[in-house]
N, C-alpha and C. Protein backbone atom coordinates (compact mmCIF):
# COMPACT_ATOMS: atom_id res chain seq x y z
N MET A 1 -3.44 -9.39 9.40
CA MET A 1 -2.08 -9.81 8.57
C MET A 1 -1.23 -8.60 8.23
N VAL A 2 -1.44 -7.46 8.21
CA VAL A 2 -1.36 -6.11 7.89
C VAL A 2 -0.28 -5.74 9.37
N ALA A 3 -1.18 -6.29 10.52
CA ALA A 3 -0.66 -5.77 11.83
C ALA A 3 0.79 -6.51 12.24
N ARG A 4 0.86 -7.77 11.73
CA ARG A 4 1.88 -8.73 11.61
C ARG A 4 3.11 -8.57 10.99
N ASP A 5 2.62 -7.42 9.52
CA ASP A 5 3.78 -6.84 8.64
C ASP A 5 4.11 -5.48 9.68
N LEU A 6 2.96 -5.18 10.14
CA LEU A 6 3.70 -3.62 10.96
C LEU A 6 4.71 -4.04 12.17
N ASP A 7 4.15 -5.20 12.63
CA ASP A 7 5.11 -5.34 13.63
C ASP A 7 6.73 -6.01 13.40
N ARG A 8 6.45 -6.49 12.26
CA ARG A 8 7.86 -6.77 11.70
C ARG A 8 8.70 -6.12 11.57
N LEU A 9 7.92 -4.76 10.61
CA LEU A 9 8.88 -3.48 10.11
C LEU A 9 9.40 -2.72 11.62
N TRP A 10 8.63 -2.80 12.85
CA TRP A 10 8.73 -1.96 13.70
C TRP A 10 10.08 -2.77 14.59
N HIS A 11 9.92 -4.14 14.61
CA HIS A 11 11.19 -4.67 15.02
C HIS A 11 12.33 -4.15 14.24
N LEU A 12 12.48 -4.58 13.13
CA LEU A 12 13.76 -4.42 12.41
C LEU A 12 14.00 -2.70 12.39
N ALA A 13 12.96 -2.22 12.56
CA ALA A 13 13.82 -0.34 12.91
C ALA A 13 13.89 -0.43 14.21
N ARG A 14 13.68 -1.04 15.27
CA ARG A 14 14.40 -0.76 16.53
C ARG A 14 15.43 -1.61 16.08
N ARG A 15 15.82 -2.99 15.58
CA ARG A 15 17.22 -3.40 15.49
C ARG A 15 18.44 -2.29 15.02
N ARG A 16 17.87 -1.37 13.50
CA ARG A 16 18.86 -0.89 12.74
C ARG A 16 17.99 0.62 13.03
N PRO A 17 18.01 1.00 13.77
CA PRO A 17 17.06 2.85 14.54
C PRO A 17 17.90 3.79 12.96
N LEU A 18 19.56 3.67 12.91
CA LEU A 18 19.73 4.83 11.86
C LEU A 18 19.02 4.53 10.73
N PRO A 19 19.06 3.22 9.84
CA PRO A 19 19.02 3.21 8.44
C PRO A 19 17.58 3.39 8.49
N ALA A 20 16.86 2.98 9.48
CA ALA A 20 15.41 3.01 9.45
C ALA A 20 14.87 4.53 9.51
N VAL A 21 15.62 5.34 10.32
CA VAL A 21 15.25 7.00 10.21
C VAL A 21 15.39 7.45 9.19
N LEU A 22 16.72 7.45 8.65
CA LEU A 22 17.02 7.74 7.05
C LEU A 22 16.43 7.38 6.01
N VAL A 23 16.04 6.29 5.84
CA VAL A 23 14.73 5.70 4.83
C VAL A 23 13.59 6.55 5.27
N THR A 24 13.13 6.25 6.53
CA THR A 24 11.60 7.26 6.72
C THR A 24 11.86 8.65 6.40
N ALA A 25 13.00 9.08 6.90
CA ALA A 25 12.96 10.84 6.21
C ALA A 25 13.22 10.92 4.77
N GLY A 26 13.93 10.07 4.12
CA GLY A 26 14.15 10.22 2.47
C GLY A 26 12.82 9.75 1.82
N LEU A 27 11.56 9.05 2.65
CA LEU A 27 10.57 8.64 2.09
C LEU A 27 9.62 9.83 2.24
N LEU A 28 9.67 10.62 3.40
CA LEU A 28 8.82 11.47 3.77
C LEU A 28 8.96 12.92 2.94
N ALA A 29 10.10 13.18 2.87
CA ALA A 29 11.14 14.19 1.62
C ALA A 29 10.54 14.05 -0.04
N TYR A 30 10.79 12.80 0.22
CA TYR A 30 10.18 12.38 -1.74
C TYR A 30 8.48 12.71 -1.79
N GLY A 31 8.21 11.80 -0.83
CA GLY A 31 6.75 12.68 -0.72
C GLY A 31 6.38 13.50 -0.76
N TRP A 32 6.84 14.42 -0.22
CA TRP A 32 6.13 16.12 0.14
C TRP A 32 6.48 16.54 -1.28
N TRP A 33 8.03 16.65 -1.90
CA TRP A 33 8.06 16.97 -2.76
C TRP A 33 7.44 16.74 -4.28
N ASP A 34 6.90 14.81 -4.46
CA ASP A 34 6.28 14.45 -5.12
C ASP A 34 4.28 14.76 -5.18
N THR A 35 4.23 15.05 -3.84
CA THR A 35 2.68 15.93 -3.89
C THR A 35 2.71 17.28 -4.11
N GLY A 36 3.59 17.86 -4.04
CA GLY A 36 3.98 19.21 -4.53
C GLY A 36 3.74 19.70 -5.79
N LEU A 37 3.85 18.58 -6.73
CA LEU A 37 3.92 18.86 -8.17
C LEU A 37 2.68 18.84 -8.64
N HIS A 38 2.33 19.65 -10.10
CA HIS A 38 1.50 19.86 -10.47
C HIS A 38 0.62 18.51 -11.09
N PRO A 39 -0.56 18.47 -10.71
CA PRO A 39 -1.18 17.04 -11.07
C PRO A 39 -1.19 17.00 -12.51
N PHE A 40 -1.36 15.58 -13.05
CA PHE A 40 -0.96 15.13 -14.49
C PHE A 40 -0.39 15.61 -15.33
N SER A 41 0.77 16.29 -14.49
CA SER A 41 1.98 16.62 -15.46
C SER A 41 3.24 15.59 -15.64
N SER A 42 3.71 15.65 -16.49
CA SER A 42 5.10 14.95 -16.96
C SER A 42 5.91 14.76 -15.56
N ALA A 43 6.32 15.28 -14.60
CA ALA A 43 6.87 15.37 -13.43
C ALA A 43 6.15 14.81 -12.69
N ALA A 44 5.03 14.59 -12.34
CA ALA A 44 3.86 14.32 -11.26
C ALA A 44 4.25 12.75 -11.83
N TYR A 45 3.87 12.33 -13.33
CA TYR A 45 3.88 11.18 -13.76
C TYR A 45 5.17 10.28 -13.46
N ALA A 46 6.15 10.92 -13.69
CA ALA A 46 7.40 10.28 -13.02
C ALA A 46 8.10 10.26 -12.17
N GLY A 47 7.27 11.00 -11.05
CA GLY A 47 7.24 11.40 -9.50
C GLY A 47 6.79 10.18 -9.03
N VAL A 48 5.66 9.31 -9.38
CA VAL A 48 4.55 8.16 -9.32
C VAL A 48 5.40 7.42 -9.88
N ALA A 49 5.98 7.17 -10.93
CA ALA A 49 6.48 5.90 -11.59
C ALA A 49 7.75 5.45 -10.75
N LEU A 50 8.53 6.28 -10.14
CA LEU A 50 9.66 5.94 -9.54
C LEU A 50 9.49 5.17 -8.24
N PRO A 51 8.88 5.29 -7.00
CA PRO A 51 8.00 4.67 -6.30
C PRO A 51 7.47 3.20 -7.07
N VAL A 52 6.90 3.50 -7.92
CA VAL A 52 6.22 2.10 -8.36
C VAL A 52 7.07 0.99 -9.10
N ALA A 53 8.70 1.64 -9.72
CA ALA A 53 9.39 1.05 -10.33
C ALA A 53 10.46 0.21 -8.86
N ALA A 54 10.66 1.11 -7.93
CA ALA A 54 11.30 0.36 -6.79
C ALA A 54 10.58 -0.65 -6.34
N VAL A 55 9.23 -0.25 -5.96
CA VAL A 55 8.31 -1.61 -5.34
C VAL A 55 8.61 -2.57 -6.45
N VAL A 56 8.26 -2.68 -7.41
CA VAL A 56 8.12 -3.75 -8.49
C VAL A 56 9.77 -4.57 -8.23
N ALA A 57 10.77 -3.80 -8.42
CA ALA A 57 12.15 -4.33 -8.35
C ALA A 57 12.23 -4.91 -7.03
N GLY A 58 11.88 -4.10 -5.87
CA GLY A 58 11.80 -5.20 -4.61
C GLY A 58 11.39 -6.40 -4.62
N TYR A 59 10.03 -6.19 -5.36
CA TYR A 59 9.07 -7.70 -5.33
C TYR A 59 9.80 -8.87 -6.32
N ALA A 60 10.67 -7.75 -7.20
CA ALA A 60 11.07 -9.06 -8.20
C ALA A 60 12.33 -9.48 -7.50
N LEU A 61 12.91 -8.83 -6.55
CA LEU A 61 14.33 -9.17 -6.23
C LEU A 61 13.77 -10.15 -4.76
N ALA A 62 12.69 -9.84 -4.22
CA ALA A 62 12.30 -10.98 -3.30
C ALA A 62 11.71 -12.23 -3.47
N GLY A 63 11.68 -12.31 -4.89
CA GLY A 63 11.18 -13.65 -5.60
C GLY A 63 9.96 -13.71 -5.79
N GLY A 64 9.10 -12.38 -5.77
CA GLY A 64 7.92 -12.56 -6.07
C GLY A 64 7.22 -12.59 -7.33
N LEU A 65 7.96 -12.25 -8.64
CA LEU A 65 7.85 -12.59 -10.03
C LEU A 65 8.38 -13.52 -10.59
N SER A 66 8.53 -14.89 -9.49
CA SER A 66 9.24 -16.14 -9.95
C SER A 66 8.10 -16.94 -10.55
N TRP A 67 8.23 -17.78 -11.78
CA TRP A 67 7.57 -18.73 -12.30
C TRP A 67 7.98 -19.91 -11.51
N GLN A 68 8.78 -20.09 -10.59
CA GLN A 68 9.12 -20.99 -9.87
C GLN A 68 7.82 -21.67 -8.89
N PRO A 69 8.12 -23.20 -8.77
CA PRO A 69 6.58 -23.34 -7.83
C PRO A 69 6.71 -23.07 -6.20
N GLU A 70 7.81 -22.57 -6.11
CA GLU A 70 8.02 -22.25 -4.51
C GLU A 70 7.30 -20.88 -4.44
N ALA A 71 7.39 -19.75 -5.28
CA ALA A 71 6.39 -19.22 -5.43
C ALA A 71 4.94 -19.05 -5.50
N ALA A 72 4.20 -19.92 -6.21
CA ALA A 72 2.84 -20.14 -6.59
C ALA A 72 2.67 -20.85 -5.44
N ALA A 73 3.16 -21.68 -4.48
CA ALA A 73 3.13 -22.29 -3.16
C ALA A 73 3.21 -21.43 -2.36
N TYR A 74 3.62 -20.17 -2.23
CA TYR A 74 3.79 -19.30 -1.04
C TYR A 74 2.24 -18.42 -1.09
N TYR A 75 1.85 -18.02 -2.57
CA TYR A 75 0.33 -17.75 -2.44
C TYR A 75 -0.28 -18.50 -2.55
N ARG A 76 -0.34 -19.98 -2.61
CA ARG A 76 -1.35 -20.70 -2.51
C ARG A 76 -1.70 -20.82 -1.18
N ARG A 77 -0.44 -20.95 -0.25
CA ARG A 77 -0.97 -20.95 1.09
C ARG A 77 -1.38 -19.51 1.64
N ALA A 78 -0.88 -18.71 1.23
CA ALA A 78 -1.74 -17.31 2.15
C ALA A 78 -2.91 -17.09 1.67
N ALA A 79 -3.38 -17.54 0.43
CA ALA A 79 -4.83 -17.54 0.23
C ALA A 79 -6.16 -18.62 0.34
N ASP A 80 -5.39 -19.39 1.26
CA ASP A 80 -6.07 -20.73 1.76
C ASP A 80 -7.35 -20.59 2.68
N GLY A 81 -7.05 -19.42 3.31
CA GLY A 81 -8.02 -19.05 4.46
C GLY A 81 -9.02 -18.26 3.80
N ALA A 82 -9.32 -17.88 2.51
CA ALA A 82 -9.97 -16.82 1.93
C ALA A 82 -11.12 -17.40 1.46
N THR A 83 -12.43 -16.75 1.77
CA THR A 83 -13.48 -17.12 1.63
C THR A 83 -14.44 -16.13 1.68
N TRP A 84 -15.76 -16.23 1.07
CA TRP A 84 -16.47 -15.20 0.48
C TRP A 84 -17.00 -14.56 1.36
N LYS A 85 -16.79 -15.13 3.00
CA LYS A 85 -17.60 -14.96 3.94
C LYS A 85 -16.43 -13.47 4.72
N GLY A 86 -15.14 -14.10 4.38
CA GLY A 86 -13.96 -13.19 4.91
C GLY A 86 -14.02 -11.75 4.19
N SER A 87 -14.61 -11.95 2.65
CA SER A 87 -14.82 -10.91 1.68
C SER A 87 -15.62 -9.97 2.06
N LEU A 88 -16.69 -10.34 2.96
CA LEU A 88 -17.78 -9.23 2.77
C LEU A 88 -17.65 -8.08 3.52
N PRO A 89 -16.72 -8.07 4.28
CA PRO A 89 -16.82 -6.40 4.86
C PRO A 89 -16.05 -5.70 3.71
N TRP A 90 -15.26 -5.97 3.27
CA TRP A 90 -14.64 -5.20 1.90
C TRP A 90 -15.54 -5.15 0.87
N LEU A 91 -16.44 -6.08 0.44
CA LEU A 91 -17.46 -5.62 -0.41
C LEU A 91 -18.28 -4.98 0.17
N ALA A 92 -19.04 -5.11 1.43
CA ALA A 92 -20.02 -3.92 1.79
C ALA A 92 -19.55 -2.54 2.07
N LEU A 93 -18.20 -2.30 2.07
CA LEU A 93 -17.66 -1.09 2.21
C LEU A 93 -17.68 -0.74 0.96
N ILE A 94 -17.06 -1.23 -0.20
CA ILE A 94 -17.23 -0.62 -1.79
C ILE A 94 -18.58 -0.43 -2.04
N LEU A 95 -19.73 -1.27 -1.86
CA LEU A 95 -21.13 -1.01 -2.11
C LEU A 95 -21.31 0.09 -1.51
N ALA A 96 -21.06 0.54 -0.48
CA ALA A 96 -21.47 1.43 0.11
C ALA A 96 -20.94 3.05 -0.08
N THR A 97 -19.66 2.95 -0.63
CA THR A 97 -19.20 3.80 -1.03
C THR A 97 -19.70 4.01 -2.30
N VAL A 98 -19.90 3.16 -3.32
CA VAL A 98 -20.61 3.50 -4.52
C VAL A 98 -22.13 3.93 -4.48
N GLY A 99 -22.82 3.64 -3.25
CA GLY A 99 -23.94 3.37 -3.05
C GLY A 99 -24.10 5.17 -2.64
N LEU A 100 -23.34 5.40 -1.53
CA LEU A 100 -22.90 7.38 -1.34
C LEU A 100 -22.86 8.10 -2.24
N GLU A 101 -22.13 7.61 -3.19
CA GLU A 101 -21.55 8.58 -4.46
C GLU A 101 -22.53 8.82 -5.35
N SER A 102 -23.46 7.52 -5.55
CA SER A 102 -24.37 7.71 -6.41
C SER A 102 -25.60 8.37 -5.63
N ALA A 103 -25.94 8.36 -4.45
CA ALA A 103 -26.78 9.29 -3.91
C ALA A 103 -26.57 10.48 -4.02
N GLY A 104 -25.39 10.77 -3.61
CA GLY A 104 -25.13 12.04 -4.13
C GLY A 104 -24.97 12.65 -5.23
N LEU A 105 -24.30 12.01 -6.28
CA LEU A 105 -24.75 12.48 -7.53
C LEU A 105 -26.61 12.84 -7.73
N ALA A 106 -26.96 11.49 -7.25
CA ALA A 106 -28.77 11.89 -7.69
C ALA A 106 -29.15 12.94 -7.28
N LEU A 107 -28.72 13.48 -5.98
CA LEU A 107 -29.60 14.34 -5.27
C LEU A 107 -29.11 15.72 -5.71
N GLY A 108 -28.17 16.26 -6.26
CA GLY A 108 -27.48 17.24 -7.03
C GLY A 108 -26.69 17.43 -7.51
N GLY A 109 -25.49 16.15 -7.15
CA GLY A 109 -24.27 16.45 -7.93
C GLY A 109 -23.38 17.14 -6.96
N ARG A 110 -22.72 18.09 -7.70
CA ARG A 110 -21.21 19.10 -7.24
C ARG A 110 -22.20 20.29 -6.56
N SER A 111 -23.15 20.16 -5.40
CA SER A 111 -23.82 21.04 -5.00
C SER A 111 -22.81 21.42 -3.49
N HIS A 112 -23.37 22.57 -3.00
CA HIS A 112 -22.72 22.59 -1.38
C HIS A 112 -23.41 21.80 -0.51
N THR A 113 -24.74 21.87 -0.67
CA THR A 113 -25.59 21.42 0.05
C THR A 113 -25.63 19.75 0.11
N VAL A 114 -25.19 19.20 -0.93
CA VAL A 114 -25.36 17.64 -1.07
C VAL A 114 -23.91 17.27 -1.95
N PRO A 115 -22.74 17.26 -0.56
CA PRO A 115 -21.60 16.85 -1.60
C PRO A 115 -21.31 15.54 -1.75
N THR A 116 -20.75 15.31 -2.49
CA THR A 116 -20.60 13.58 -3.02
C THR A 116 -19.12 13.30 -2.18
N LEU A 117 -18.53 12.02 -2.39
CA LEU A 117 -17.77 11.62 -1.32
C LEU A 117 -16.36 12.07 -2.22
N SER A 118 -16.88 12.25 -3.56
CA SER A 118 -15.26 12.77 -4.18
C SER A 118 -14.92 14.12 -4.24
N ASP A 119 -16.10 14.85 -3.77
CA ASP A 119 -15.91 16.05 -3.56
C ASP A 119 -15.58 16.42 -1.65
N VAL A 120 -15.75 15.60 -1.31
CA VAL A 120 -15.26 15.66 0.17
C VAL A 120 -13.72 15.22 -0.27
N VAL A 121 -13.17 14.26 -0.77
CA VAL A 121 -11.86 13.97 -1.05
C VAL A 121 -11.30 15.09 -1.89
N ASP A 122 -11.63 15.56 -2.91
CA ASP A 122 -11.24 16.72 -3.59
C ASP A 122 -10.58 17.87 -1.96
N HIS A 123 -11.60 18.09 -1.76
CA HIS A 123 -11.52 19.23 -0.60
C HIS A 123 -10.45 18.86 0.21
N ALA A 124 -10.21 17.49 0.82
CA ALA A 124 -9.41 16.99 1.93
C ALA A 124 -7.65 17.32 0.88
N LEU A 125 -7.61 16.62 -0.16
CA LEU A 125 -6.87 17.05 -0.86
C LEU A 125 -6.34 18.21 -1.57
N ALA A 126 -6.88 19.27 -1.04
CA ALA A 126 -6.40 20.39 -1.47
C ALA A 126 -4.95 20.80 -0.31
N TRP A 127 -4.93 19.90 0.77
CA TRP A 127 -4.27 20.46 1.54
C TRP A 127 -2.75 19.31 1.29
N HIS A 128 -1.82 19.86 1.55
CA HIS A 128 -0.59 19.12 1.07
C HIS A 128 -0.45 18.07 2.04
N GLY A 129 -0.65 18.11 3.48
CA GLY A 129 -0.27 17.42 4.22
C GLY A 129 -1.17 15.78 4.03
N VAL A 130 -2.54 16.17 3.83
CA VAL A 130 -3.08 15.31 3.14
C VAL A 130 -3.05 14.43 2.27
N ARG A 131 -2.29 15.17 0.67
CA ARG A 131 -1.54 14.17 0.22
C ARG A 131 -0.59 13.62 0.14
N LEU A 132 0.51 14.19 0.98
CA LEU A 132 1.48 13.83 1.66
C LEU A 132 1.21 12.09 2.24
N LEU A 133 0.12 12.40 3.35
CA LEU A 133 -0.58 11.14 4.01
C LEU A 133 -0.79 10.11 3.22
N PHE A 134 -1.75 10.55 1.81
CA PHE A 134 -2.16 9.19 1.12
C PHE A 134 -1.32 8.43 0.44
N PHE A 135 0.18 9.71 -0.05
CA PHE A 135 0.81 9.15 -0.61
C PHE A 135 1.60 8.11 0.12
N VAL A 136 1.85 7.81 1.24
CA VAL A 136 2.57 7.44 2.34
C VAL A 136 2.21 6.10 2.42
N VAL A 137 0.36 6.17 3.04
CA VAL A 137 -0.03 4.88 2.74
C VAL A 137 -0.30 4.32 1.54
N TRP A 138 -0.38 4.82 0.47
CA TRP A 138 -0.49 3.85 -0.86
C TRP A 138 0.97 3.38 -0.94
N LEU A 139 2.45 3.84 -0.99
CA LEU A 139 3.29 3.42 -0.96
C LEU A 139 3.60 2.28 0.16
N ALA A 140 2.95 2.24 1.21
CA ALA A 140 3.00 1.34 2.39
C ALA A 140 2.54 -0.02 2.01
N LEU A 141 1.18 0.50 1.87
CA LEU A 141 0.64 -0.63 1.10
C LEU A 141 0.71 -1.67 -0.01
N GLY A 142 1.95 -0.90 -0.83
CA GLY A 142 2.64 -1.38 -1.79
C GLY A 142 3.60 -2.63 -1.77
N SER A 143 3.99 -2.16 -0.45
CA SER A 143 5.30 -2.62 -0.33
C SER A 143 5.16 -3.61 1.06
N LEU A 144 3.77 -3.62 1.22
CA LEU A 144 3.72 -4.81 2.24
C LEU A 144 3.93 -6.26 2.02
N PRO A 145 3.58 -6.73 0.50
CA PRO A 145 3.74 -7.56 0.20
C PRO A 145 5.27 -8.56 -0.22
N ILE A 146 6.24 -7.18 -0.34
CA ILE A 146 7.47 -7.55 -0.13
C ILE A 146 8.04 -7.93 1.03
N VAL A 147 7.33 -7.24 2.37
CA VAL A 147 7.66 -7.67 3.63
C VAL A 147 7.29 -8.81 4.01
N ARG A 148 6.26 -9.22 3.32
CA ARG A 148 5.48 -10.99 3.54
C ARG A 148 6.42 -11.81 3.00
N LEU A 149 6.84 -11.65 2.00
CA LEU A 149 7.74 -12.59 1.02
C LEU A 149 8.87 -12.95 1.37
N ARG A 150 9.63 -11.66 2.01
CA ARG A 150 10.74 -11.68 2.62
C ARG A 150 10.46 -12.49 3.95
N ALA A 151 9.80 -12.37 4.76
CA ALA A 151 9.73 -12.96 6.26
C ALA A 151 9.04 -14.56 5.70
N SER A 152 8.66 -14.40 4.66
CA SER A 152 8.24 -16.14 4.46
C SER A 152 9.60 -16.89 4.31
N ARG A 153 10.22 -16.47 3.41
CA ARG A 153 11.67 -16.51 2.87
C ARG A 153 12.37 -16.93 3.93
N ALA A 154 12.48 -15.86 5.03
CA ALA A 154 13.63 -15.87 6.22
C ALA A 154 12.84 -17.19 7.25
N ARG A 155 11.52 -17.38 7.33
CA ARG A 155 11.05 -18.38 7.89
C ARG A 155 11.63 -20.19 7.53
N ARG A 156 11.65 -20.06 5.97
CA ARG A 156 11.53 -21.14 5.25
C ARG A 156 13.45 -21.37 5.61
N SER A 157 14.04 -20.62 5.58
CA SER A 157 15.77 -20.30 5.78
C SER A 157 16.13 -21.05 6.88
N ALA A 158 15.35 -20.48 7.64
CA ALA A 158 15.35 -20.94 9.47
C ALA A 158 14.94 -22.00 9.34
N ALA A 159 13.79 -22.83 8.99
CA ALA A 159 13.44 -23.86 9.24
C ALA A 159 14.25 -24.78 8.62
N GLU A 160 15.01 -24.68 7.00
CA GLU A 160 15.69 -25.53 6.54
C GLU A 160 17.22 -25.79 7.20
N GLU A 161 17.71 -24.72 7.60
CA GLU A 161 19.17 -24.67 8.93
C GLU A 161 18.63 -25.50 10.37
N ASN A 162 17.58 -25.62 10.82
CA ASN A 162 17.33 -26.34 11.68
C ASN A 162 17.23 -27.83 11.31
N VAL A 163 16.60 -28.50 10.04
CA VAL A 163 16.35 -29.50 9.68
C VAL A 163 17.84 -30.05 9.58
N VAL A 164 18.68 -29.49 8.70
CA VAL A 164 20.02 -29.85 8.70
C VAL A 164 21.11 -30.12 9.41
């Protein structure tokens, strides 16, 4: 499903390359600035709140925060194929992560000989480029529902035009 969303974005960027390049450059510049702020400062909180507000506004404009039956029907259709069996890989990943973190803490915690996963992530986040990468991935994953909802509406509109 994510691959289809990325494919849609790629085709959109190919049809309108200049806006796509400008938006990408702007997001990267903003991400570089935001990930360079001192953690847990007021500026850092405001820097994260702005893209969150933009994604929520985009989602609302796409009709995702609607109480109308068509929005509820979209999510029911999207969740039709969801099963426990399909969720098992994600559950296994979460359990493995919690298990590794617990084992690292039980074997010594914050030592250099037995690092926990959080120690490894802390060391990786010391590099500004890694923080930027995490920020961009976080923002992209938060924006994917907007892409899906807009694509669903476009397909529905095209189908309605063909019927009439």
